[in-house]
Amino acid sequence: MAALLAFGGLGAGLVHAQTSTGRLHLTTSPLPISLKAKPGEAVETELRVRNSGTKTEKLKIGLMKFSAFGEEGKPKLEDRGEGDEYFDWVKFSKSEFEAAPNEWQSIKMSIALPKTAAFGYYYAVTFSRANDNTAEGDLETAIRGGSATLVLLEADVPGAKREVAIDEFRVEKRSYEFLPARFSIKLRNTGSIHTAPTGTIFINRGSSQVGTVSVNGTKGNILPASTRNFASEWTDGFPAYRAKEADGKAVLKEDGQPVYELAWDLGQLKRLRFGKYTATLVMVYDDGTRDVPLEATVSFWVIPWRMIFAAIAIPLVPALAVYLLMRRRLKRQLHKGKGQRDRL
């Protein structure tokens, strides 16, 4: 039995969850947790959960595993399966506890690695109501009725392979009228250990660097034998499309996507973008001994055609008006002169 957790849990942040009937609100932190130990050693970490509701709740802790779902960094939670002895390595300081409203509760999680442990193990620690009348290990209830903290454990052994490849680096469009220019980066973990590569996109116009964009600044992990997409935007331009807000909140379309509007900040006039630009992606990951760089390049154009048209039209229209006026006067004068000659 498997299900998709409702948050991009391979990154960093907080998790909020709510039941559809009991209005259980939980916040867990940190997210995720990365641990490393040698086979035969034990490692310990602290889990924190807060009841964000208005009444005291009795919570229980569950243990699951997770893998990568799709390419957007979302984890797929699964029950313990046959051969998953690494579940037996885990112990918690308490399995059930009272959680008063708005108070953080701390639970110690300890993992005793056997000497046979190797490479990566991926746990999902779930928090849900202790009095749920569901079968032990009911994954759907655990997700719907609580929240989860992801724990990535590396068993540090010789022979671990840390390797990342760039599958794709592309720009959303080859030509833009105005920024932002949106980039898509697909990375593949071809190693045996999870890794969190980070990088920068350097934007050049000719030989001049005009901007930089961060990639995976939150240090989201890529699990072994999986790919993950990262998205970045270059927004430093004049004018540029910005997400529209009303009363401090983003305005959304019917499909839930944000509404964008063109922002004319005259203070950014010097950042008018025009011409061909080259974006160079530099990603870096740790292979266990050193930082390994990866590079890819893509080009695109920014052509603010409406501004170009206006720049041409503004001086041209008065000149055309003067020309037409002079031509009309000349025709009148010629017509008047012809009439006088005819009368003679």
C-alpha atoms as a PDB file:
ATOM      1  CA  MET A   1       0.000   0.000   0.000  1.00  0.00           C
ATOM      2  CA  ALA A   2       1.413   3.369  -0.958  1.00  0.00           C
ATOM      3  CA  ALA A   3       0.376   6.986  -1.071  1.00  0.00           C
ATOM      4  CA  LEU A   4       1.761  10.376  -1.927  1.00  0.00           C
ATOM      5  CA  LEU A   5       2.481  12.712   0.966  1.00  0.00           C
ATOM      6  CA  ALA A   6       0.941  16.126   0.410  1.00  0.00           C
ATOM      7  CA  PHE A   7       4.164  18.120   0.687  1.00  0.00           C
ATOM      8  CA  GLY A   8       7.466  18.273  -1.142  1.00  0.00           C
ATOM      9  CA  GLY A   9       9.175  16.475   1.719  1.00  0.00           C
ATOM     10  CA  LEU A  10      12.653  16.171   0.207  1.00  0.00           C
ATOM     11  CA  GLY A  11      13.170  19.869   0.797  1.00  0.00           C
ATOM     12  CA  ALA A  12      13.152  21.957   3.961  1.00  0.00           C
ATOM     13  CA  GLY A  13      10.267  23.525   5.851  1.00  0.00           C
ATOM     14  CA  LEU A  14       7.276  22.784   8.031  1.00  0.00           C
ATOM     15  CA  VAL A  15       4.378  20.389   7.534  1.00  0.00           C
ATOM     16  CA  HIS A  16       0.774  21.162   8.315  1.00  0.00           C
ATOM     17  CA  ALA A  17      -1.906  18.476   8.311  1.00  0.00           C
ATOM     18  CA  GLN A  18      -5.590  18.319   9.049  1.00  0.00           C
ATOM     19  CA  THR A  19      -8.207  15.599   9.204  1.00  0.00           C
ATOM     20  CA  SER A  20     -11.358  16.053   7.210  1.00  0.00           C
ATOM     21  CA  THR A  21     -13.549  15.301  10.255  1.00  0.00           C
ATOM     22  CA  GLY A  22     -11.613  15.854  13.484  1.00  0.00           C
ATOM     23  CA  ARG A  23      -9.740  19.061  12.538  1.00  0.00           C
ATOM     24  CA  LEU A  24      -6.365  17.839  13.737  1.00  0.00           C
ATOM     25  CA  HIS A  25      -3.649  20.397  13.000  1.00  0.00           C
ATOM     26  CA  LEU A  26      -0.031  19.343  13.431  1.00  0.00           C
ATOM     27  CA  THR A  27       3.251  21.049  12.617  1.00  0.00           C
ATOM     28  CA  THR A  28       6.472  19.025  12.484  1.00  0.00           C
ATOM     29  CA  SER A  29      10.045  20.244  12.393  1.00  0.00           C
ATOM     30  CA  PRO A  30      12.715  19.891  11.145  1.00  0.00           C
ATOM     31  CA  LEU A  31      11.965  18.582   7.695  1.00  0.00           C
ATOM     32  CA  PRO A  32      13.756  16.549   6.550  1.00  0.00           C
ATOM     33  CA  ILE A  33      16.404  15.134   8.890  1.00  0.00           C
ATOM     34  CA  SER A  34      19.670  13.822   7.443  1.00  0.00           C
ATOM     35  CA  LEU A  35      21.714  11.389   9.551  1.00  0.00           C
ATOM     36  CA  LYS A  36      25.002   9.614   8.965  1.00  0.00           C
ATOM     37  CA  ALA A  37      26.666   6.808  10.945  1.00  0.00           C
ATOM     38  CA  LYS A  38      29.023   3.897  10.440  1.00  0.00           C
ATOM     39  CA  PRO A  39      27.770   0.307  10.548  1.00  0.00           C
ATOM     40  CA  GLY A  40      27.751  -0.986  14.112  1.00  0.00           C
ATOM     41  CA  GLU A  41      27.166   2.492  15.559  1.00  0.00           C
ATOM     42  CA  ALA A  42      24.032   4.194  16.856  1.00  0.00           C
ATOM     43  CA  VAL A  43      22.775   7.622  15.934  1.00  0.00           C
ATOM     44  CA  GLU A  44      20.128   9.772  17.615  1.00  0.00           C
ATOM     45  CA  THR A  45      17.989  12.733  16.580  1.00  0.00           C
ATOM     46  CA  GLU A  46      15.215  14.872  18.009  1.00  0.00           C
ATOM     47  CA  LEU A  47      11.771  15.021  16.419  1.00  0.00           C
ATOM     48  CA  ARG A  48       9.495  17.943  17.203  1.00  0.00           C
ATOM     49  CA  VAL A  49       5.758  18.205  16.740  1.00  0.00           C
ATOM     50  CA  ARG A  50       3.281  20.900  17.712  1.00  0.00           C
ATOM     51  CA  ASN A  51      -0.472  20.625  18.120  1.00  0.00           C
ATOM     52  CA  SER A  52      -1.699  23.755  16.352  1.00  0.00           C
ATOM     53  CA  GLY A  53      -5.303  23.082  17.327  1.00  0.00           C
ATOM     54  CA  THR A  54      -7.326  24.400  20.273  1.00  0.00           C
ATOM     55  CA  LYS A  55      -7.575  21.294  22.461  1.00  0.00           C
ATOM     56  CA  THR A  56      -5.195  18.723  23.892  1.00  0.00           C
ATOM     57  CA  GLU A  57      -4.651  15.687  21.675  1.00  0.00           C
ATOM     58  CA  LYS A  58      -3.245  12.259  22.418  1.00  0.00           C
ATOM     59  CA  LEU A  59      -0.886  11.361  19.597  1.00  0.00           C
ATOM     60  CA  LYS A  60       0.904   8.216  18.523  1.00  0.00           C
ATOM     61  CA  ILE A  61       4.046   7.677  16.488  1.00  0.00           C
ATOM     62  CA  GLY A  62       4.210   5.407  13.455  1.00  0.00           C
ATOM     63  CA  LEU A  63       7.073   4.357  11.207  1.00  0.00           C
ATOM     64  CA  MET A  64       6.996   3.983   7.437  1.00  0.00           C
ATOM     65  CA  LYS A  65       9.426   4.206   4.554  1.00  0.00           C
ATOM     66  CA  PHE A  66       9.441   6.509   1.572  1.00  0.00           C
ATOM     67  CA  SER A  67      10.722   6.696  -1.967  1.00  0.00           C
ATOM     68  CA  ALA A  68      10.649   9.355  -4.696  1.00  0.00           C
ATOM     69  CA  PHE A  69       7.330  10.045  -6.396  1.00  0.00           C
ATOM     70  CA  GLY A  70       7.569  11.584  -9.846  1.00  0.00           C
ATOM     71  CA  GLU A  71      10.162  14.264 -10.503  1.00  0.00           C
ATOM     72  CA  GLU A  72       8.920  17.109  -8.318  1.00  0.00           C
ATOM     73  CA  GLY A  73      10.536  16.092  -5.025  1.00  0.00           C
ATOM     74  CA  LYS A  74       7.423  14.605  -3.473  1.00  0.00           C
ATOM     75  CA  PRO A  75       7.815  11.484  -1.308  1.00  0.00           C
ATOM     76  CA  LYS A  76       5.729   8.343  -1.683  1.00  0.00           C
ATOM     77  CA  LEU A  77       5.079   6.714   1.692  1.00  0.00           C
ATOM     78  CA  GLU A  78       4.799   2.956   2.014  1.00  0.00           C
ATOM     79  CA  ASP A  79       4.203   0.424   4.787  1.00  0.00           C
ATOM     80  CA  ARG A  80       6.949  -1.868   5.933  1.00  0.00           C
ATOM     81  CA  GLY A  81       7.544  -4.598   3.405  1.00  0.00           C
ATOM     82  CA  GLU A  82       9.127  -8.012   3.378  1.00  0.00           C
ATOM     83  CA  GLY A  83      12.846  -7.775   4.054  1.00  0.00           C
ATOM     84  CA  ASP A  84      12.682  -4.306   5.642  1.00  0.00           C
ATOM     85  CA  GLU A  85      14.689  -5.283   8.714  1.00  0.00           C
ATOM     86  CA  TYR A  86      15.943  -1.704   9.062  1.00  0.00           C
ATOM     87  CA  PHE A  87      12.603  -0.869  10.732  1.00  0.00           C
ATOM     88  CA  ASP A  88      13.833  -2.931  13.703  1.00  0.00           C
ATOM     89  CA  TRP A  89      16.844  -0.633  14.153  1.00  0.00           C
ATOM     90  CA  VAL A  90      14.599   2.255  15.269  1.00  0.00           C
ATOM     91  CA  LYS A  91      13.436   3.120  18.792  1.00  0.00           C
ATOM     92  CA  PHE A  92      11.511   6.145  20.089  1.00  0.00           C
ATOM     93  CA  SER A  93      11.664   7.675  23.565  1.00  0.00           C
ATOM     94  CA  LYS A  94       7.849   7.426  23.652  1.00  0.00           C
ATOM     95  CA  SER A  95       5.270   5.934  21.355  1.00  0.00           C
ATOM     96  CA  GLU A  96       2.253   7.910  22.639  1.00  0.00           C
ATOM     97  CA  PHE A  97       2.025  11.309  24.305  1.00  0.00           C
ATOM     98  CA  GLU A  98      -0.274  14.175  25.216  1.00  0.00           C
ATOM     99  CA  ALA A  99       0.066  17.278  23.054  1.00  0.00           C
ATOM    100  CA  ALA A 100      -1.318  20.495  24.514  1.00  0.00           C
ATOM    101  CA  PRO A 101      -2.338  23.278  22.100  1.00  0.00           C
ATOM    102  CA  ASN A 102       0.542  25.324  20.623  1.00  0.00           C
ATOM    103  CA  GLU A 103       3.244  23.532  22.592  1.00  0.00           C
ATOM    104  CA  TRP A 104       6.181  21.808  20.941  1.00  0.00           C
ATOM    105  CA  GLN A 105       6.726  18.184  21.975  1.00  0.00           C
ATOM    106  CA  SER A 106      10.138  16.518  21.580  1.00  0.00           C
ATOM    107  CA  ILE A 107      10.700  12.820  20.892  1.00  0.00           C
ATOM    108  CA  LYS A 108      14.075  11.117  20.681  1.00  0.00           C
ATOM    109  CA  MET A 109      14.569   8.781  17.747  1.00  0.00           C
ATOM    110  CA  SER A 110      17.532   6.413  17.958  1.00  0.00           C
ATOM    111  CA  ILE A 111      18.775   4.115  15.210  1.00  0.00           C
ATOM    112  CA  ALA A 112      21.232   1.291  15.973  1.00  0.00           C
ATOM    113  CA  LEU A 113      22.915   0.270  12.731  1.00  0.00           C
ATOM    114  CA  PRO A 114      24.097  -3.332  12.452  1.00  0.00           C
ATOM    115  CA  LYS A 115      27.517  -4.067  10.994  1.00  0.00           C
ATOM    116  CA  THR A 116      25.822  -5.192   7.783  1.00  0.00           C
ATOM    117  CA  ALA A 117      24.221  -1.778   7.136  1.00  0.00           C
ATOM    118  CA  ALA A 118      25.187  -0.078   3.873  1.00  0.00           C
ATOM    119  CA  PHE A 119      24.229   3.004   1.880  1.00  0.00           C
ATOM    120  CA  GLY A 120      20.845   4.718   2.338  1.00  0.00           C
ATOM    121  CA  TYR A 121      17.670   4.103   4.354  1.00  0.00           C
ATOM    122  CA  TYR A 122      14.623   6.346   4.178  1.00  0.00           C
ATOM    123  CA  TYR A 123      12.170   6.558   7.072  1.00  0.00           C
ATOM    124  CA  ALA A 124       8.914   8.491   7.466  1.00  0.00           C
ATOM    125  CA  VAL A 125       7.926   9.060  11.093  1.00  0.00           C
ATOM    126  CA  THR A 126       4.186   9.745  11.298  1.00  0.00           C
ATOM    127  CA  PHE A 127       2.148  11.496  13.990  1.00  0.00           C
ATOM    128  CA  SER A 128      -1.587  10.825  14.269  1.00  0.00           C
ATOM    129  CA  ARG A 129      -4.335  10.456  16.863  1.00  0.00           C
ATOM    130  CA  ALA A 130      -3.746   7.614  19.275  1.00  0.00           C
ATOM    131  CA  ASN A 131      -7.435   6.744  19.398  1.00  0.00           C
ATOM    132  CA  ASP A 132      -7.895   6.300  15.666  1.00  0.00           C
ATOM    133  CA  ASN A 133      -9.895   3.104  15.177  1.00  0.00           C
ATOM    134  CA  THR A 134      -7.849   1.973  12.207  1.00  0.00           C
ATOM    135  CA  ALA A 135      -5.620  -0.984  11.593  1.00  0.00           C
ATOM    136  CA  GLU A 136      -1.981  -0.618  12.503  1.00  0.00           C
ATOM    137  CA  GLY A 137      -0.030   0.636   9.517  1.00  0.00           C
ATOM    138  CA  ASP A 138      -3.057   2.089   7.712  1.00  0.00           C
ATOM    139  CA  LEU A 139      -1.060   4.451   5.508  1.00  0.00           C
ATOM    140  CA  GLU A 140      -3.921   6.486   4.114  1.00  0.00           C
ATOM    141  CA  THR A 141      -5.174   7.310   7.621  1.00  0.00           C
ATOM    142  CA  ALA A 142      -1.690   8.192   8.793  1.00  0.00           C
ATOM    143  CA  ILE A 143      -1.354  10.725   6.005  1.00  0.00           C
ATOM    144  CA  ARG A 144      -4.888  12.090   6.192  1.00  0.00           C
ATOM    145  CA  GLY A 145      -4.991  12.191   9.986  1.00  0.00           C
ATOM    146  CA  GLY A 146      -1.564  13.530  10.836  1.00  0.00           C
ATOM    147  CA  SER A 147       1.783  14.501   9.428  1.00  0.00           C
ATOM    148  CA  ALA A 148       5.204  12.988   8.856  1.00  0.00           C
ATOM    149  CA  THR A 149       8.867  13.819   9.333  1.00  0.00           C
ATOM    150  CA  LEU A 150      11.255  12.352   6.795  1.00  0.00           C
ATOM    151  CA  VAL A 151      14.536  10.894   8.024  1.00  0.00           C
ATOM    152  CA  LEU A 152      17.321  10.124   5.555  1.00  0.00           C
ATOM    153  CA  LEU A 153      19.963   7.797   7.004  1.00  0.00           C
ATOM    154  CA  GLU A 154      23.323   7.153   5.379  1.00  0.00           C
ATOM    155  CA  ALA A 155      25.301   4.117   6.485  1.00  0.00           C
ATOM    156  CA  ASP A 156      28.849   5.281   5.838  1.00  0.00           C
ATOM    157  CA  VAL A 157      30.651   2.402   4.121  1.00  0.00           C
ATOM    158  CA  PRO A 158      33.432   2.184   1.524  1.00  0.00           C
ATOM    159  CA  GLY A 159      32.211   1.865  -2.018  1.00  0.00           C
ATOM    160  CA  ALA A 160      29.302   4.272  -1.697  1.00  0.00           C
ATOM    161  CA  LYS A 161      28.763   5.930  -5.058  1.00  0.00           C
ATOM    162  CA  ARG A 162      27.835   9.610  -5.134  1.00  0.00           C
ATOM    163  CA  GLU A 163      27.104  10.756  -8.643  1.00  0.00           C
ATOM    164  CA  VAL A 164      24.714  13.225 -10.245  1.00  0.00           C
ATOM    165  CA  ALA A 165      24.096  13.978 -13.911  1.00  0.00           C
ATOM    166  CA  ILE A 166      22.247  16.776 -15.690  1.00  0.00           C
ATOM    167  CA  ASP A 167      19.513  15.195 -17.778  1.00  0.00           C
ATOM    168  CA  GLU A 168      18.095  18.478 -19.028  1.00  0.00           C
ATOM    169  CA  PHE A 169      18.602  22.221 -18.791  1.00  0.00           C
ATOM    170  CA  ARG A 170      16.147  24.272 -20.784  1.00  0.00           C
ATOM    171  CA  VAL A 171      14.434  27.624 -20.867  1.00  0.00           C
ATOM    172  CA  GLU A 172      10.635  27.750 -21.048  1.00  0.00           C
ATOM    173  CA  LYS A 173      10.652  29.853 -24.238  1.00  0.00           C
ATOM    174  CA  ARG A 174      13.317  30.821 -26.736  1.00  0.00           C
ATOM    175  CA  SER A 175      12.017  34.372 -26.895  1.00  0.00           C
ATOM    176  CA  TYR A 176      10.481  36.650 -24.256  1.00  0.00           C
ATOM    177  CA  GLU A 177       8.999  40.105 -24.494  1.00  0.00           C
ATOM    178  CA  PHE A 178       9.620  40.741 -20.800  1.00  0.00           C
ATOM    179  CA  LEU A 179      11.071  38.770 -17.893  1.00  0.00           C
ATOM    180  CA  PRO A 180      10.855  36.476 -16.026  1.00  0.00           C
ATOM    181  CA  ALA A 181      12.712  33.847 -18.008  1.00  0.00           C
ATOM    182  CA  ARG A 182      11.873  30.462 -16.524  1.00  0.00           C
ATOM    183  CA  PHE A 183      14.390  27.623 -16.395  1.00  0.00           C
ATOM    184  CA  SER A 184      13.830  23.913 -15.852  1.00  0.00           C
ATOM    185  CA  ILE A 185      16.642  21.697 -14.558  1.00  0.00           C
ATOM    186  CA  LYS A 186      16.345  17.913 -14.421  1.00  0.00           C
ATOM    187  CA  LEU A 187      18.987  16.112 -12.378  1.00  0.00           C
ATOM    188  CA  ARG A 188      19.505  12.367 -12.065  1.00  0.00           C
ATOM    189  CA  ASN A 189      21.067  10.606  -9.087  1.00  0.00           C
ATOM    190  CA  THR A 190      23.046   7.742 -10.614  1.00  0.00           C
ATOM    191  CA  GLY A 191      24.724   6.845  -7.321  1.00  0.00           C
ATOM    192  CA  SER A 192      23.791   4.727  -4.315  1.00  0.00           C
ATOM    193  CA  ILE A 193      23.328   7.563  -1.767  1.00  0.00           C
ATOM    194  CA  HIS A 194      20.911  10.495  -1.595  1.00  0.00           C
ATOM    195  CA  THR A 195      22.480  13.834  -2.405  1.00  0.00           C
ATOM    196  CA  ALA A 196      21.509  17.510  -2.412  1.00  0.00           C
ATOM    197  CA  PRO A 197      23.281  19.354  -5.246  1.00  0.00           C
ATOM    198  CA  THR A 198      23.119  23.129  -5.344  1.00  0.00           C
ATOM    199  CA  GLY A 199      24.005  25.557  -8.081  1.00  0.00           C
ATOM    200  CA  THR A 200      23.767  28.876  -9.860  1.00  0.00           C
ATOM    201  CA  ILE A 201      22.627  29.987 -13.295  1.00  0.00           C
ATOM    202  CA  PHE A 202      24.872  32.743 -14.663  1.00  0.00           C
ATOM    203  CA  ILE A 203      23.155  35.053 -17.191  1.00  0.00           C
ATOM    204  CA  ASN A 204      25.374  36.706 -19.792  1.00  0.00           C
ATOM    205  CA  ARG A 205      24.738  39.162 -22.611  1.00  0.00           C
ATOM    206  CA  GLY A 206      27.710  38.789 -24.849  1.00  0.00           C
ATOM    207  CA  SER A 207      30.763  38.724 -22.591  1.00  0.00           C
ATOM    208  CA  SER A 208      29.083  40.657 -19.759  1.00  0.00           C
ATOM    209  CA  GLN A 209      27.429  38.921 -16.815  1.00  0.00           C
ATOM    210  CA  VAL A 210      24.095  40.601 -16.094  1.00  0.00           C
ATOM    211  CA  GLY A 211      22.460  38.308 -13.541  1.00  0.00           C
ATOM    212  CA  THR A 212      22.528  35.157 -11.433  1.00  0.00           C
ATOM    213  CA  VAL A 213      19.808  32.736 -10.336  1.00  0.00           C
ATOM    214  CA  SER A 214      20.033  30.224  -7.483  1.00  0.00           C
ATOM    215  CA  VAL A 215      19.117  26.558  -8.020  1.00  0.00           C
ATOM    216  CA  ASN A 216      17.987  24.306  -5.139  1.00  0.00           C
ATOM    217  CA  GLY A 217      18.824  26.842  -2.480  1.00  0.00           C
ATOM    218  CA  THR A 218      16.752  24.834   0.021  1.00  0.00           C
ATOM    219  CA  LYS A 219      19.061  21.818  -0.544  1.00  0.00           C
ATOM    220  CA  GLY A 220      16.367  19.374  -1.524  1.00  0.00           C
ATOM    221  CA  ASN A 221      17.629  15.791  -1.808  1.00  0.00           C
ATOM    222  CA  ILE A 222      17.567  13.466  -4.797  1.00  0.00           C
ATOM    223  CA  LEU A 223      17.155   9.815  -3.882  1.00  0.00           C
ATOM    224  CA  PRO A 224      19.230   7.108  -5.604  1.00  0.00           C
ATOM    225  CA  ALA A 225      18.025   5.887  -9.005  1.00  0.00           C
ATOM    226  CA  SER A 226      15.617   8.812  -9.352  1.00  0.00           C
ATOM    227  CA  THR A 227      15.367  12.154 -11.115  1.00  0.00           C
ATOM    228  CA  ARG A 228      14.182  15.484  -9.813  1.00  0.00           C
ATOM    229  CA  ASN A 229      13.114  18.681 -11.515  1.00  0.00           C
ATOM    230  CA  PHE A 230      14.096  22.088 -10.197  1.00  0.00           C
ATOM    231  CA  ALA A 231      12.625  25.367 -11.428  1.00  0.00           C
ATOM    232  CA  SER A 232      14.243  28.811 -11.293  1.00  0.00           C
ATOM    233  CA  GLU A 233      13.327  32.244 -12.648  1.00  0.00           C
ATOM    234  CA  TRP A 234      15.343  35.240 -13.763  1.00  0.00           C
ATOM    235  CA  THR A 235      13.163  38.196 -12.749  1.00  0.00           C
ATOM    236  CA  ASP A 236      15.669  41.066 -12.671  1.00  0.00           C
ATOM    237  CA  GLY A 237      14.364  43.182 -15.525  1.00  0.00           C
ATOM    238  CA  PHE A 238      12.354  46.264 -16.507  1.00  0.00           C
ATOM    239  CA  PRO A 239       9.494  45.952 -16.929  1.00  0.00           C
ATOM    240  CA  ALA A 240       8.794  42.455 -15.589  1.00  0.00           C
ATOM    241  CA  TYR A 241       5.777  40.307 -14.864  1.00  0.00           C
ATOM    242  CA  ARG A 242       5.031  39.894 -11.160  1.00  0.00           C
ATOM    243  CA  ALA A 243       2.485  37.760  -9.350  1.00  0.00           C
ATOM    244  CA  LYS A 244      -0.577  39.902  -8.690  1.00  0.00           C
ATOM    245  CA  GLU A 245      -1.632  40.432  -5.080  1.00  0.00           C
ATOM    246  CA  ALA A 246      -4.763  41.733  -3.407  1.00  0.00           C
ATOM    247  CA  ASP A 247      -4.930  42.439   0.340  1.00  0.00           C
ATOM    248  CA  GLY A 248      -1.529  40.827   0.751  1.00  0.00           C
ATOM    249  CA  LYS A 249      -2.598  37.571  -0.892  1.00  0.00           C
ATOM    250  CA  ALA A 250      -1.794  36.136  -4.318  1.00  0.00           C
ATOM    251  CA  VAL A 251      -4.563  36.402  -6.893  1.00  0.00           C
ATOM    252  CA  LEU A 252      -5.203  32.999  -8.454  1.00  0.00           C
ATOM    253  CA  LYS A 253      -6.890  31.807 -11.624  1.00  0.00           C
ATOM    254  CA  GLU A 254      -9.635  29.169 -11.585  1.00  0.00           C
ATOM    255  CA  ASP A 255      -6.996  26.457 -12.037  1.00  0.00           C
ATOM    256  CA  GLY A 256      -5.100  27.676  -8.971  1.00  0.00           C
ATOM    257  CA  GLN A 257      -2.239  29.254 -10.929  1.00  0.00           C
ATOM    258  CA  PRO A 258      -1.165  32.806 -10.038  1.00  0.00           C
ATOM    259  CA  VAL A 259      -2.249  35.806 -12.080  1.00  0.00           C
ATOM    260  CA  TYR A 260       0.665  37.881 -13.411  1.00  0.00           C
ATOM    261  CA  GLU A 261       0.700  41.587 -14.193  1.00  0.00           C
ATOM    262  CA  LEU A 262       3.331  43.785 -15.818  1.00  0.00           C
ATOM    263  CA  ALA A 263       5.144  45.926 -13.230  1.00  0.00           C
ATOM    264  CA  TRP A 264       6.658  49.235 -14.391  1.00  0.00           C
ATOM    265  CA  ASP A 265       9.127  50.159 -11.665  1.00  0.00           C
ATOM    266  CA  LEU A 266      10.942  53.183 -13.084  1.00  0.00           C
ATOM    267  CA  GLY A 267      13.667  52.711 -10.500  1.00  0.00           C
ATOM    268  CA  GLN A 268      14.661  49.604 -12.453  1.00  0.00           C
ATOM    269  CA  LEU A 269      14.859  51.384 -15.819  1.00  0.00           C
ATOM    270  CA  LYS A 270      18.571  50.594 -16.171  1.00  0.00           C
ATOM    271  CA  ARG A 271      17.633  46.891 -16.153  1.00  0.00           C
ATOM    272  CA  LEU A 272      15.823  47.079 -19.478  1.00  0.00           C
ATOM    273  CA  ARG A 273      16.561  43.740 -21.162  1.00  0.00           C
ATOM    274  CA  PHE A 274      17.033  43.459 -24.916  1.00  0.00           C
ATOM    275  CA  GLY A 275      18.966  41.044 -27.105  1.00  0.00           C
ATOM    276  CA  LYS A 276      20.378  37.540 -26.921  1.00  0.00           C
ATOM    277  CA  TYR A 277      21.256  36.065 -23.542  1.00  0.00           C
ATOM    278  CA  THR A 278      23.202  32.950 -22.576  1.00  0.00           C
ATOM    279  CA  ALA A 279      22.400  31.057 -19.374  1.00  0.00           C
ATOM    280  CA  THR A 280      25.124  28.809 -17.964  1.00  0.00           C
ATOM    281  CA  LEU A 281      24.113  26.345 -15.264  1.00  0.00           C
ATOM    282  CA  VAL A 282      26.794  25.317 -12.762  1.00  0.00           C
ATOM    283  CA  MET A 283      25.671  22.607 -10.312  1.00  0.00           C
ATOM    284  CA  VAL A 284      27.903  21.200  -7.571  1.00  0.00           C
ATOM    285  CA  TYR A 285      27.583  17.992  -5.564  1.00  0.00           C
ATOM    286  CA  ASP A 286      29.807  16.271  -3.005  1.00  0.00           C
ATOM    287  CA  ASP A 287      31.101  12.894  -4.186  1.00  0.00           C
ATOM    288  CA  GLY A 288      32.507  12.096  -0.746  1.00  0.00           C
ATOM    289  CA  THR A 289      35.986  13.462  -1.387  1.00  0.00           C
ATOM    290  CA  ARG A 290      35.480  16.720  -3.261  1.00  0.00           C
ATOM    291  CA  ASP A 291      32.915  19.023  -4.851  1.00  0.00           C
ATOM    292  CA  VAL A 292      32.148  17.989  -8.417  1.00  0.00           C
ATOM    293  CA  PRO A 293      30.885  20.686 -10.839  1.00  0.00           C
ATOM    294  CA  LEU A 294      28.396  20.064 -13.641  1.00  0.00           C
ATOM    295  CA  GLU A 295      27.704  22.543 -16.436  1.00  0.00           C
ATOM    296  CA  ALA A 296      25.093  23.121 -19.126  1.00  0.00           C
ATOM    297  CA  THR A 297      24.195  26.092 -21.329  1.00  0.00           C
ATOM    298  CA  VAL A 298      21.106  27.416 -23.076  1.00  0.00           C
ATOM    299  CA  SER A 299      20.380  30.644 -24.986  1.00  0.00           C
ATOM    300  CA  PHE A 300      17.272  32.798 -25.344  1.00  0.00           C
ATOM    301  CA  TRP A 301      16.189  36.233 -26.568  1.00  0.00           C
ATOM    302  CA  VAL A 302      14.449  39.139 -24.864  1.00  0.00           C
ATOM    303  CA  ILE A 303      12.729  41.411 -27.385  1.00  0.00           C
ATOM    304  CA  PRO A 304      10.414  44.057 -25.871  1.00  0.00           C
ATOM    305  CA  TRP A 305       8.612  44.592 -29.132  1.00  0.00           C
ATOM    306  CA  ARG A 306       5.918  46.891 -27.749  1.00  0.00           C
ATOM    307  CA  MET A 307       8.531  49.217 -26.303  1.00  0.00           C
ATOM    308  CA  ILE A 308      10.457  49.118 -29.583  1.00  0.00           C
ATOM    309  CA  PHE A 309       7.289  49.959 -31.511  1.00  0.00           C
ATOM    310  CA  ALA A 310       6.543  52.825 -29.115  1.00  0.00           C
ATOM    311  CA  ALA A 311      10.107  54.138 -29.403  1.00  0.00           C
ATOM    312  CA  ILE A 312       9.739  54.210 -33.185  1.00  0.00           C
ATOM    313  CA  ALA A 313       6.179  55.544 -33.194  1.00  0.00           C
ATOM    314  CA  ILE A 314       6.697  58.430 -30.752  1.00  0.00           C
ATOM    315  CA  PRO A 315       9.050  60.455 -33.013  1.00  0.00           C
ATOM    316  CA  LEU A 316       7.563  59.096 -36.230  1.00  0.00           C
ATOM    317  CA  VAL A 317       3.947  60.133 -35.617  1.00  0.00           C
ATOM    318  CA  PRO A 318       4.687  63.882 -35.221  1.00  0.00           C
ATOM    319  CA  ALA A 319       7.009  63.774 -38.213  1.00  0.00           C
ATOM    320  CA  LEU A 320       4.335  62.050 -40.274  1.00  0.00           C
ATOM    321  CA  ALA A 321       1.745  64.599 -39.138  1.00  0.00           C
ATOM    322  CA  VAL A 322       4.026  67.486 -40.190  1.00  0.00           C
ATOM    323  CA  TYR A 323       4.668  65.823 -43.536  1.00  0.00           C
ATOM    324  CA  LEU A 324       0.962  65.348 -44.233  1.00  0.00           C
ATOM    325  CA  LEU A 325       0.204  68.916 -43.193  1.00  0.00           C
ATOM    326  CA  MET A 326       2.925  70.367 -45.438  1.00  0.00           C
ATOM    327  CA  ARG A 327       1.820  68.200 -48.308  1.00  0.00           C
ATOM    328  CA  ARG A 328      -1.758  69.398 -47.904  1.00  0.00           C
ATOM    329  CA  ARG A 329      -0.667  73.033 -47.887  1.00  0.00           C
ATOM    330  CA  LEU A 330       1.499  72.478 -50.951  1.00  0.00           C
ATOM    331  CA  LYS A 331      -1.410  70.903 -52.804  1.00  0.00           C
ATOM    332  CA  ARG A 332      -3.623  73.877 -51.902  1.00  0.00           C
ATOM    333  CA  GLN A 333      -0.994  76.305 -53.136  1.00  0.00           C
ATOM    334  CA  LEU A 334      -0.529  74.395 -56.384  1.00  0.00           C
ATOM    335  CA  HIS A 335      -4.284  74.202 -56.891  1.00  0.00           C
ATOM    336  CA  LYS A 336      -4.647  77.929 -56.188  1.00  0.00           C
ATOM    337  CA  GLY A 337      -1.848  78.797 -58.639  1.00  0.00           C
ATOM    338  CA  LYS A 338      -3.397  76.629 -61.327  1.00  0.00           C
ATOM    339  CA  GLY A 339      -6.749  78.415 -60.878  1.00  0.00           C
ATOM    340  CA  GLN A 340      -5.117  81.809 -61.347  1.00  0.00           C
ATOM    341  CA  ARG A 341      -3.406  80.690 -64.557  1.00  0.00           C
ATOM    342  CA  ASP A 342      -6.680  79.363 -65.901  1.00  0.00           C
ATOM    343  CA  ARG A 343      -8.399  82.728 -65.356  1.00  0.00           C
ATOM    344  CA  LEU A 344      -5.657  84.485 -67.323  1.00  0.00           C
END
